Amino acid sequence: MVTTIVEGLAMSDSDHSQRVDALLNGLPEVLPPPHVRAKLRLAAGLTQQDVADAVGVKRVAVTRWELGQTSPRRPHRENYLRLLKGLAERFPEAAKADAGSTTPASEGGSG
């Protein structure tokens, strides 16, 4: 086992790994860029209203999230992030951020 000295204390590699995990677990999870949020929704064939109903917000909130005008807050943020993660797993191509991509403002949003 490799041991290093940090601030006068001997630390093993597993100690470092645990410290890194603790730092990562303390960070808020980052939402994908707004245009990727819309791509994921569209790849799944969902409307903005479908997402709004599932997350518990009004459709206009989803529109604003996909345009990057606002960001979801708790508890909606956690639910929206969970949905996006699930969609990204099912539609990995849609999860890729491409430069220069535009987001349709209301495509699929009237359903």
N, C-alpha and C. Protein backbone atom coordinates (compact mmCIF):
# COMPACT_ATOMS: atom_id res chain seq x y z
N MET A 1 0.85 -1.18 0.00
CA MET A 1 0.00 0.00 0.00
C MET A 1 0.89 1.24 0.00
N VAL A 2 0.57 2.21 -0.84
CA VAL A 2 1.35 3.43 -0.93
C VAL A 2 0.84 4.41 0.11
N THR A 3 1.77 5.02 0.82
CA THR A 3 1.40 6.01 1.83
C THR A 3 2.12 7.31 1.52
N THR A 4 1.40 8.43 1.63
CA THR A 4 2.01 9.74 1.44
C THR A 4 1.82 10.56 2.68
N ILE A 5 2.59 11.62 2.80
CA ILE A 5 2.49 12.51 3.95
C ILE A 5 1.74 13.76 3.52
N VAL A 6 0.61 14.02 4.14
CA VAL A 6 -0.19 15.21 3.85
C VAL A 6 -0.38 15.95 5.16
N GLU A 7 0.08 17.18 5.19
CA GLU A 7 -0.05 18.01 6.39
C GLU A 7 0.44 17.26 7.62
N GLY A 8 1.55 16.55 7.48
CA GLY A 8 2.14 15.87 8.63
C GLY A 8 1.47 14.56 9.01
N LEU A 9 0.46 14.11 8.26
CA LEU A 9 -0.23 12.87 8.57
C LEU A 9 0.03 11.85 7.48
N ALA A 10 0.25 10.62 7.86
CA ALA A 10 0.39 9.56 6.87
C ALA A 10 -0.99 9.20 6.35
N MET A 11 -1.11 9.12 5.00
CA MET A 11 -2.40 8.80 4.39
C MET A 11 -2.20 7.71 3.35
N SER A 12 -3.07 6.74 3.35
CA SER A 12 -3.01 5.68 2.35
C SER A 12 -3.78 6.12 1.11
N ASP A 13 -3.61 5.36 0.02
CA ASP A 13 -4.36 5.65 -1.21
C ASP A 13 -5.86 5.58 -0.97
N SER A 14 -6.28 4.64 -0.13
CA SER A 14 -7.72 4.53 0.13
C SER A 14 -8.24 5.74 0.90
N ASP A 15 -7.40 6.33 1.75
CA ASP A 15 -7.79 7.56 2.45
C ASP A 15 -8.00 8.69 1.45
N HIS A 16 -7.10 8.78 0.48
CA HIS A 16 -7.23 9.81 -0.55
C HIS A 16 -8.49 9.58 -1.37
N SER A 17 -8.74 8.34 -1.71
CA SER A 17 -9.92 8.00 -2.48
C SER A 17 -11.19 8.40 -1.72
N GLN A 18 -11.21 8.15 -0.43
CA GLN A 18 -12.37 8.51 0.38
C GLN A 18 -12.54 10.03 0.45
N ARG A 19 -11.42 10.75 0.53
CA ARG A 19 -11.50 12.21 0.56
C ARG A 19 -12.05 12.76 -0.76
N VAL A 20 -11.59 12.18 -1.87
CA VAL A 20 -12.09 12.60 -3.18
C VAL A 20 -13.58 12.31 -3.28
N ASP A 21 -13.99 11.12 -2.86
CA ASP A 21 -15.42 10.78 -2.89
C ASP A 21 -16.23 11.75 -2.05
N ALA A 22 -15.71 12.12 -0.88
CA ALA A 22 -16.42 13.05 -0.01
C ALA A 22 -16.58 14.41 -0.68
N LEU A 23 -15.54 14.86 -1.37
CA LEU A 23 -15.64 16.14 -2.08
C LEU A 23 -16.67 16.06 -3.19
N LEU A 24 -16.63 14.97 -3.96
CA LEU A 24 -17.58 14.82 -5.07
C LEU A 24 -19.01 14.71 -4.57
N ASN A 25 -19.21 13.98 -3.50
CA ASN A 25 -20.55 13.81 -2.95
C ASN A 25 -21.11 15.11 -2.40
N GLY A 26 -20.25 16.02 -2.01
CA GLY A 26 -20.69 17.29 -1.47
C GLY A 26 -21.04 18.31 -2.53
N LEU A 27 -20.64 18.04 -3.78
CA LEU A 27 -20.91 18.99 -4.86
C LEU A 27 -22.31 18.76 -5.44
N PRO A 28 -22.99 19.83 -5.79
CA PRO A 28 -24.29 19.65 -6.43
C PRO A 28 -24.10 19.07 -7.82
N GLU A 29 -25.03 18.21 -8.23
CA GLU A 29 -24.95 17.64 -9.57
C GLU A 29 -25.31 18.71 -10.58
N VAL A 30 -24.58 18.71 -11.67
CA VAL A 30 -24.74 19.73 -12.69
C VAL A 30 -25.74 19.26 -13.74
N LEU A 31 -26.65 20.14 -14.08
CA LEU A 31 -27.61 19.86 -15.15
C LEU A 31 -26.90 19.98 -16.50
N PRO A 32 -27.35 19.22 -17.48
CA PRO A 32 -26.78 19.40 -18.82
C PRO A 32 -27.13 20.79 -19.36
N PRO A 33 -26.41 21.24 -20.38
CA PRO A 33 -26.73 22.54 -20.97
C PRO A 33 -28.19 22.59 -21.43
N PRO A 34 -28.77 23.77 -21.47
CA PRO A 34 -30.19 23.88 -21.85
C PRO A 34 -30.56 23.20 -23.16
N HIS A 35 -29.75 23.35 -24.22
CA HIS A 35 -30.12 22.74 -25.50
C HIS A 35 -30.08 21.22 -25.43
N VAL A 36 -29.25 20.66 -24.56
CA VAL A 36 -29.20 19.21 -24.40
C VAL A 36 -30.45 18.72 -23.66
N ARG A 37 -30.94 19.52 -22.74
CA ARG A 37 -32.18 19.17 -22.03
C ARG A 37 -33.32 18.99 -23.03
N ALA A 38 -33.41 19.92 -23.97
CA ALA A 38 -34.46 19.83 -24.99
C ALA A 38 -34.24 18.63 -25.90
N LYS A 39 -32.99 18.38 -26.29
CA LYS A 39 -32.69 17.23 -27.16
C LYS A 39 -33.08 15.93 -26.49
N LEU A 40 -32.81 15.81 -25.22
CA LEU A 40 -33.16 14.59 -24.49
C LEU A 40 -34.67 14.40 -24.47
N ARG A 41 -35.38 15.47 -24.19
CA ARG A 41 -36.85 15.38 -24.14
C ARG A 41 -37.41 14.98 -25.49
N LEU A 42 -36.90 15.62 -26.54
CA LEU A 42 -37.39 15.32 -27.89
C LEU A 42 -37.03 13.91 -28.32
N ALA A 43 -35.85 13.44 -27.95
CA ALA A 43 -35.44 12.08 -28.31
C ALA A 43 -36.39 11.05 -27.71
N ALA A 44 -36.93 11.36 -26.55
CA ALA A 44 -37.86 10.46 -25.88
C ALA A 44 -39.29 10.63 -26.37
N GLY A 45 -39.51 11.62 -27.23
CA GLY A 45 -40.86 11.87 -27.73
C GLY A 45 -41.77 12.50 -26.69
N LEU A 46 -41.17 13.22 -25.76
CA LEU A 46 -41.94 13.87 -24.70
C LEU A 46 -42.20 15.34 -25.04
N THR A 47 -43.33 15.83 -24.60
CA THR A 47 -43.61 17.26 -24.73
C THR A 47 -43.12 17.97 -23.48
N GLN A 48 -43.04 19.27 -23.58
CA GLN A 48 -42.71 20.05 -22.38
C GLN A 48 -43.77 19.85 -21.31
N GLN A 49 -45.01 19.68 -21.72
CA GLN A 49 -46.08 19.45 -20.75
C GLN A 49 -45.90 18.11 -20.05
N ASP A 50 -45.45 17.08 -20.78
CA ASP A 50 -45.18 15.78 -20.17
C ASP A 50 -44.14 15.93 -19.05
N VAL A 51 -43.07 16.64 -19.37
CA VAL A 51 -42.00 16.84 -18.39
C VAL A 51 -42.51 17.66 -17.21
N ALA A 52 -43.25 18.72 -17.50
CA ALA A 52 -43.79 19.57 -16.44
C ALA A 52 -44.69 18.78 -15.50
N ASP A 53 -45.56 17.96 -16.05
CA ASP A 53 -46.45 17.15 -15.23
C ASP A 53 -45.67 16.17 -14.35
N ALA A 54 -44.63 15.56 -14.93
CA ALA A 54 -43.84 14.58 -14.18
C ALA A 54 -43.05 15.24 -13.06
N VAL A 55 -42.51 16.42 -13.32
CA VAL A 55 -41.66 17.11 -12.35
C VAL A 55 -42.49 17.90 -11.34
N GLY A 56 -43.69 18.30 -11.74
CA GLY A 56 -44.56 19.04 -10.83
C GLY A 56 -44.47 20.54 -10.97
N VAL A 57 -44.28 21.01 -12.22
CA VAL A 57 -44.21 22.45 -12.49
C VAL A 57 -45.12 22.78 -13.66
N LYS A 58 -45.21 24.06 -13.99
CA LYS A 58 -45.96 24.47 -15.17
C LYS A 58 -45.07 24.34 -16.40
N ARG A 59 -45.70 24.18 -17.55
CA ARG A 59 -44.95 24.01 -18.80
C ARG A 59 -43.99 25.15 -19.06
N VAL A 60 -44.38 26.36 -18.72
CA VAL A 60 -43.53 27.52 -18.97
C VAL A 60 -42.20 27.39 -18.21
N ALA A 61 -42.21 26.72 -17.07
CA ALA A 61 -40.96 26.51 -16.33
C ALA A 61 -40.00 25.64 -17.14
N VAL A 62 -40.52 24.58 -17.74
CA VAL A 62 -39.69 23.70 -18.57
C VAL A 62 -39.15 24.47 -19.77
N THR A 63 -39.99 25.29 -20.38
CA THR A 63 -39.55 26.13 -21.50
C THR A 63 -38.37 26.99 -21.08
N ARG A 64 -38.50 27.64 -19.94
CA ARG A 64 -37.43 28.53 -19.45
C ARG A 64 -36.16 27.75 -19.11
N TRP A 65 -36.31 26.54 -18.57
CA TRP A 65 -35.14 25.70 -18.26
C TRP A 65 -34.43 25.33 -19.55
N GLU A 66 -35.19 24.98 -20.59
CA GLU A 66 -34.60 24.56 -21.85
C GLU A 66 -33.99 25.73 -22.62
N LEU A 67 -34.43 26.92 -22.35
CA LEU A 67 -33.86 28.12 -22.98
C LEU A 67 -32.70 28.69 -22.15
N GLY A 68 -32.52 28.17 -20.97
CA GLY A 68 -31.46 28.68 -20.09
C GLY A 68 -31.80 29.99 -19.42
N GLN A 69 -33.08 30.35 -19.42
CA GLN A 69 -33.51 31.60 -18.79
C GLN A 69 -33.57 31.48 -17.27
N THR A 70 -33.92 30.30 -16.79
CA THR A 70 -33.98 30.02 -15.36
C THR A 70 -33.45 28.62 -15.11
N SER A 71 -33.23 28.31 -13.85
CA SER A 71 -32.81 26.97 -13.46
C SER A 71 -33.80 26.43 -12.45
N PRO A 72 -34.04 25.13 -12.49
CA PRO A 72 -34.98 24.56 -11.51
C PRO A 72 -34.42 24.62 -10.10
N ARG A 73 -35.32 24.78 -9.15
CA ARG A 73 -34.95 24.79 -7.73
C ARG A 73 -35.51 23.55 -7.06
N ARG A 74 -35.05 23.29 -5.84
CA ARG A 74 -35.53 22.13 -5.08
C ARG A 74 -37.02 22.24 -4.84
N PRO A 75 -37.75 21.19 -4.77
CA PRO A 75 -37.38 19.80 -5.03
C PRO A 75 -37.44 19.46 -6.51
N HIS A 76 -37.88 20.41 -7.33
CA HIS A 76 -38.04 20.14 -8.75
C HIS A 76 -36.71 19.85 -9.44
N ARG A 77 -35.65 20.47 -8.96
CA ARG A 77 -34.33 20.27 -9.56
C ARG A 77 -33.92 18.80 -9.49
N GLU A 78 -34.09 18.20 -8.33
CA GLU A 78 -33.70 16.80 -8.15
C GLU A 78 -34.51 15.88 -9.07
N ASN A 79 -35.81 16.15 -9.16
CA ASN A 79 -36.67 15.33 -10.03
C ASN A 79 -36.32 15.53 -11.50
N TYR A 80 -36.07 16.77 -11.89
CA TYR A 80 -35.72 17.07 -13.28
C TYR A 80 -34.37 16.43 -13.62
N LEU A 81 -33.41 16.54 -12.71
CA LEU A 81 -32.10 15.93 -12.93
C LEU A 81 -32.21 14.42 -13.07
N ARG A 82 -33.03 13.82 -12.24
CA ARG A 82 -33.24 12.37 -12.31
C ARG A 82 -33.83 11.96 -13.66
N LEU A 83 -34.81 12.73 -14.12
CA LEU A 83 -35.41 12.47 -15.42
C LEU A 83 -34.36 12.59 -16.53
N LEU A 84 -33.58 13.68 -16.50
CA LEU A 84 -32.58 13.90 -17.54
C LEU A 84 -31.51 12.80 -17.54
N LYS A 85 -31.12 12.36 -16.36
CA LYS A 85 -30.14 11.27 -16.28
C LYS A 85 -30.69 10.00 -16.91
N GLY A 86 -31.93 9.69 -16.60
CA GLY A 86 -32.56 8.50 -17.18
C GLY A 86 -32.67 8.60 -18.69
N LEU A 87 -33.03 9.78 -19.18
CA LEU A 87 -33.13 9.98 -20.63
C LEU A 87 -31.75 9.88 -21.28
N ALA A 88 -30.74 10.41 -20.61
CA ALA A 88 -29.37 10.36 -21.16
C ALA A 88 -28.88 8.92 -21.27
N GLU A 89 -29.28 8.08 -20.33
CA GLU A 89 -28.89 6.67 -20.39
C GLU A 89 -29.58 5.97 -21.56
N ARG A 90 -30.81 6.34 -21.81
CA ARG A 90 -31.57 5.69 -22.88
C ARG A 90 -31.26 6.27 -24.25
N PHE A 91 -30.87 7.55 -24.28
CA PHE A 91 -30.61 8.23 -25.55
C PHE A 91 -29.25 8.92 -25.48
N PRO A 92 -28.16 8.14 -25.47
CA PRO A 92 -26.83 8.72 -25.31
C PRO A 92 -26.44 9.71 -26.41
N GLU A 93 -26.92 9.50 -27.62
CA GLU A 93 -26.59 10.44 -28.70
C GLU A 93 -27.18 11.82 -28.43
N ALA A 94 -28.37 11.85 -27.88
CA ALA A 94 -29.02 13.13 -27.58
C ALA A 94 -28.34 13.83 -26.41
N ALA A 95 -27.65 13.07 -25.58
CA ALA A 95 -27.00 13.64 -24.40
C ALA A 95 -25.72 14.39 -24.74
N LYS A 96 -25.21 14.17 -25.96
CA LYS A 96 -23.99 14.85 -26.36
C LYS A 96 -24.28 16.31 -26.68
N ALA A 97 -23.46 17.19 -26.13
CA ALA A 97 -23.60 18.62 -26.40
C ALA A 97 -22.84 18.96 -27.67
N ASP A 98 -23.52 19.52 -28.67
CA ASP A 98 -22.81 19.96 -29.85
C ASP A 98 -22.80 21.48 -29.89
N ALA A 99 -21.65 22.01 -30.23
CA ALA A 99 -21.50 23.46 -30.32
C ALA A 99 -22.37 23.99 -31.45
N GLY A 100 -22.95 25.15 -31.23
CA GLY A 100 -23.74 25.79 -32.26
C GLY A 100 -25.15 25.26 -32.39
N SER A 101 -25.54 24.36 -31.52
CA SER A 101 -26.89 23.81 -31.58
C SER A 101 -27.87 24.83 -31.01
N THR A 102 -29.02 24.93 -31.62
CA THR A 102 -30.05 25.82 -31.11
C THR A 102 -31.17 25.01 -30.49
N THR A 103 -31.86 25.61 -29.58
CA THR A 103 -32.95 24.94 -28.88
C THR A 103 -34.28 25.45 -29.41
N PRO A 104 -35.15 24.55 -29.84
CA PRO A 104 -36.48 24.99 -30.24
C PRO A 104 -37.24 25.50 -29.03
N ALA A 105 -37.71 26.73 -29.10
CA ALA A 105 -38.31 27.38 -27.94
C ALA A 105 -39.54 26.66 -27.41
N SER A 106 -40.40 26.23 -28.31
CA SER A 106 -41.63 25.63 -27.81
C SER A 106 -41.99 24.35 -28.54
N GLU A 107 -41.06 23.76 -29.25
CA GLU A 107 -41.37 22.55 -30.00
C GLU A 107 -41.89 21.48 -29.07
N GLY A 108 -43.03 20.95 -29.38
CA GLY A 108 -43.63 19.91 -28.55
C GLY A 108 -44.21 20.42 -27.25
N GLY A 109 -44.28 21.71 -27.09
CA GLY A 109 -44.71 22.25 -25.81
C GLY A 109 -46.18 22.47 -25.66
N SER A 110 -46.95 22.31 -26.71
CA SER A 110 -48.37 22.60 -26.59
C SER A 110 -49.19 21.38 -26.22
N GLY A 111 -48.53 20.19 -26.16
CA GLY A 111 -49.25 18.95 -25.93
C GLY A 111 -49.67 18.82 -24.56
